[in-house]
Amino acid sequence: MKINENMLINDMLDKYPELTDILFRHGLNCLGCPGASNEILREAAEGHGISIEKLVEDLNQFLADK
């Protein structure tokens, strides 16, 4: 399964909790954030001024390497 910008953050982290480190590196501290349950990755990235393209690329690269 590939990560995409329209995925709910909590759904992604439920399936791949190890992605938390990558989110942290990009400046998203989503674990425990109330918005994570109803916010998609693109919304979170935009809200924090983060490149969604680079974030999705890094998340998928991590999954490809594991």
N, C-alpha and C. Protein backbone atom coordinates (compact mmCIF):
# COMPACT_ATOMS: atom_id res chain seq x y z
N MET A 1 0.83 -1.18 0.00
CA MET A 1 0.00 0.00 0.00
C MET A 1 0.88 1.25 0.00
N LYS A 2 0.55 2.17 -0.86
CA LYS A 2 1.29 3.42 -0.91
C LYS A 2 0.56 4.50 -0.12
N ILE A 3 1.35 5.35 0.48
CA ILE A 3 0.82 6.49 1.20
C ILE A 3 0.48 7.57 0.18
N ASN A 4 -0.66 8.24 0.38
CA ASN A 4 -1.00 9.36 -0.49
C ASN A 4 -1.49 10.52 0.37
N GLU A 5 -1.56 11.68 -0.23
CA GLU A 5 -1.86 12.91 0.51
C GLU A 5 -3.28 12.97 1.04
N ASN A 6 -4.16 12.08 0.59
CA ASN A 6 -5.55 12.11 1.02
C ASN A 6 -5.87 11.11 2.13
N MET A 7 -4.84 10.47 2.67
CA MET A 7 -5.06 9.49 3.75
C MET A 7 -5.26 10.21 5.08
N LEU A 8 -6.19 9.67 5.87
CA LEU A 8 -6.33 10.17 7.24
C LEU A 8 -5.07 9.80 8.03
N ILE A 9 -4.58 10.74 8.79
CA ILE A 9 -3.33 10.50 9.53
C ILE A 9 -3.47 9.32 10.48
N ASN A 10 -4.54 9.25 11.25
CA ASN A 10 -4.68 8.14 12.19
C ASN A 10 -4.79 6.80 11.48
N ASP A 11 -5.46 6.75 10.33
CA ASP A 11 -5.54 5.50 9.58
C ASP A 11 -4.15 5.04 9.16
N MET A 12 -3.35 5.99 8.68
CA MET A 12 -1.99 5.68 8.25
C MET A 12 -1.15 5.19 9.42
N LEU A 13 -1.25 5.87 10.56
CA LEU A 13 -0.44 5.50 11.72
C LEU A 13 -0.94 4.21 12.37
N ASP A 14 -2.23 3.92 12.27
CA ASP A 14 -2.73 2.64 12.78
C ASP A 14 -2.11 1.48 12.00
N LYS A 15 -1.97 1.67 10.71
CA LYS A 15 -1.42 0.61 9.86
C LYS A 15 0.11 0.57 9.91
N TYR A 16 0.73 1.74 9.99
CA TYR A 16 2.19 1.85 9.97
C TYR A 16 2.67 2.78 11.09
N PRO A 17 2.62 2.35 12.33
CA PRO A 17 3.05 3.24 13.43
C PRO A 17 4.50 3.68 13.34
N GLU A 18 5.31 2.92 12.64
CA GLU A 18 6.73 3.26 12.50
C GLU A 18 6.94 4.52 11.65
N LEU A 19 5.90 5.00 10.97
CA LEU A 19 6.02 6.22 10.17
C LEU A 19 6.05 7.48 11.05
N THR A 20 5.78 7.32 12.33
CA THR A 20 5.78 8.46 13.25
C THR A 20 7.10 9.21 13.21
N ASP A 21 8.22 8.50 13.15
CA ASP A 21 9.53 9.15 13.12
C ASP A 21 9.68 10.07 11.92
N ILE A 22 9.17 9.64 10.78
CA ILE A 22 9.28 10.46 9.57
C ILE A 22 8.40 11.70 9.71
N LEU A 23 7.22 11.53 10.25
CA LEU A 23 6.35 12.70 10.48
C LEU A 23 7.05 13.69 11.40
N PHE A 24 7.67 13.20 12.48
CA PHE A 24 8.40 14.07 13.41
C PHE A 24 9.52 14.82 12.69
N ARG A 25 10.26 14.12 11.85
CA ARG A 25 11.37 14.75 11.12
C ARG A 25 10.89 15.88 10.22
N HIS A 26 9.68 15.76 9.74
CA HIS A 26 9.11 16.79 8.87
C HIS A 26 8.40 17.89 9.66
N GLY A 27 8.34 17.74 10.98
CA GLY A 27 7.72 18.76 11.81
C GLY A 27 6.26 18.51 12.15
N LEU A 28 5.79 17.29 11.92
CA LEU A 28 4.41 16.92 12.26
C LEU A 28 4.44 16.03 13.49
N ASN A 29 3.92 16.53 14.57
CA ASN A 29 3.86 15.76 15.81
C ASN A 29 2.44 15.23 15.96
N CYS A 30 2.06 14.31 15.09
CA CYS A 30 0.67 13.88 14.94
C CYS A 30 0.19 12.92 16.03
N LEU A 31 1.08 12.19 16.63
CA LEU A 31 0.65 11.24 17.65
C LEU A 31 0.00 11.97 18.80
N GLY A 32 -1.24 11.64 19.07
CA GLY A 32 -1.95 12.27 20.17
C GLY A 32 -2.59 13.60 19.83
N CYS A 33 -2.37 14.09 18.64
CA CYS A 33 -2.98 15.35 18.22
C CYS A 33 -4.46 15.12 17.94
N PRO A 34 -5.32 15.95 18.49
CA PRO A 34 -6.76 15.76 18.26
C PRO A 34 -7.14 15.84 16.78
N GLY A 35 -6.41 16.61 16.00
CA GLY A 35 -6.72 16.74 14.59
C GLY A 35 -6.38 15.51 13.77
N ALA A 36 -5.52 14.67 14.28
CA ALA A 36 -5.05 13.51 13.51
C ALA A 36 -6.17 12.52 13.19
N SER A 37 -7.23 12.54 13.98
CA SER A 37 -8.30 11.57 13.74
C SER A 37 -9.19 11.95 12.56
N ASN A 38 -9.22 13.22 12.19
CA ASN A 38 -10.09 13.61 11.09
C ASN A 38 -9.38 14.48 10.05
N GLU A 39 -8.05 14.53 10.11
CA GLU A 39 -7.28 15.36 9.20
C GLU A 39 -6.51 14.47 8.23
N ILE A 40 -6.53 14.86 6.97
CA ILE A 40 -5.74 14.11 5.99
C ILE A 40 -4.32 14.67 5.97
N LEU A 41 -3.43 13.88 5.42
CA LEU A 41 -2.01 14.24 5.41
C LEU A 41 -1.77 15.59 4.75
N ARG A 42 -2.44 15.85 3.63
CA ARG A 42 -2.26 17.12 2.93
C ARG A 42 -2.66 18.31 3.81
N GLU A 43 -3.76 18.19 4.52
CA GLU A 43 -4.21 19.27 5.40
C GLU A 43 -3.19 19.54 6.52
N ALA A 44 -2.66 18.49 7.08
CA ALA A 44 -1.66 18.64 8.14
C ALA A 44 -0.41 19.31 7.61
N ALA A 45 0.05 18.86 6.44
CA ALA A 45 1.26 19.44 5.84
C ALA A 45 1.04 20.92 5.53
N GLU A 46 -0.09 21.25 4.93
CA GLU A 46 -0.38 22.65 4.60
C GLU A 46 -0.45 23.50 5.87
N GLY A 47 -1.05 22.97 6.90
CA GLY A 47 -1.18 23.71 8.16
C GLY A 47 0.13 23.98 8.85
N HIS A 48 1.15 23.17 8.52
CA HIS A 48 2.46 23.33 9.16
C HIS A 48 3.52 23.83 8.19
N GLY A 49 3.11 24.20 6.97
CA GLY A 49 4.05 24.73 5.99
C GLY A 49 5.05 23.70 5.49
N ILE A 50 4.61 22.45 5.36
CA ILE A 50 5.49 21.35 4.97
C ILE A 50 5.17 20.94 3.54
N SER A 51 6.19 20.60 2.78
CA SER A 51 6.01 20.13 1.41
C SER A 51 5.34 18.75 1.42
N ILE A 52 4.10 18.68 0.93
CA ILE A 52 3.38 17.41 0.91
C ILE A 52 4.06 16.42 -0.04
N GLU A 53 4.61 16.92 -1.13
CA GLU A 53 5.27 16.03 -2.09
C GLU A 53 6.47 15.33 -1.45
N LYS A 54 7.30 16.10 -0.76
CA LYS A 54 8.50 15.53 -0.11
C LYS A 54 8.10 14.59 1.03
N LEU A 55 7.08 14.98 1.78
CA LEU A 55 6.62 14.14 2.89
C LEU A 55 6.12 12.79 2.38
N VAL A 56 5.26 12.81 1.38
CA VAL A 56 4.72 11.56 0.82
C VAL A 56 5.85 10.72 0.22
N GLU A 57 6.78 11.38 -0.45
CA GLU A 57 7.92 10.66 -1.01
C GLU A 57 8.73 9.96 0.08
N ASP A 58 9.02 10.67 1.16
CA ASP A 58 9.81 10.09 2.26
C ASP A 58 9.06 8.94 2.95
N LEU A 59 7.76 9.11 3.14
CA LEU A 59 6.95 8.05 3.77
C LEU A 59 6.96 6.79 2.91
N ASN A 60 6.75 6.95 1.62
CA ASN A 60 6.72 5.78 0.73
C ASN A 60 8.10 5.17 0.55
N GLN A 61 9.14 5.99 0.58
CA GLN A 61 10.50 5.44 0.48
C GLN A 61 10.81 4.58 1.70
N PHE A 62 10.40 5.05 2.87
CA PHE A 62 10.61 4.29 4.09
C PHE A 62 9.91 2.93 3.99
N LEU A 63 8.68 2.92 3.54
CA LEU A 63 7.95 1.65 3.41
C LEU A 63 8.57 0.74 2.36
N ALA A 64 9.08 1.32 1.28
CA ALA A 64 9.72 0.51 0.24
C ALA A 64 11.01 -0.13 0.75
N ASP A 65 11.70 0.56 1.65
CA ASP A 65 12.98 0.07 2.17
C ASP A 65 12.83 -0.95 3.27
N LYS A 66 11.64 -1.08 3.85
CA LYS A 66 11.52 -1.98 5.00
C LYS A 66 11.32 -3.41 4.63
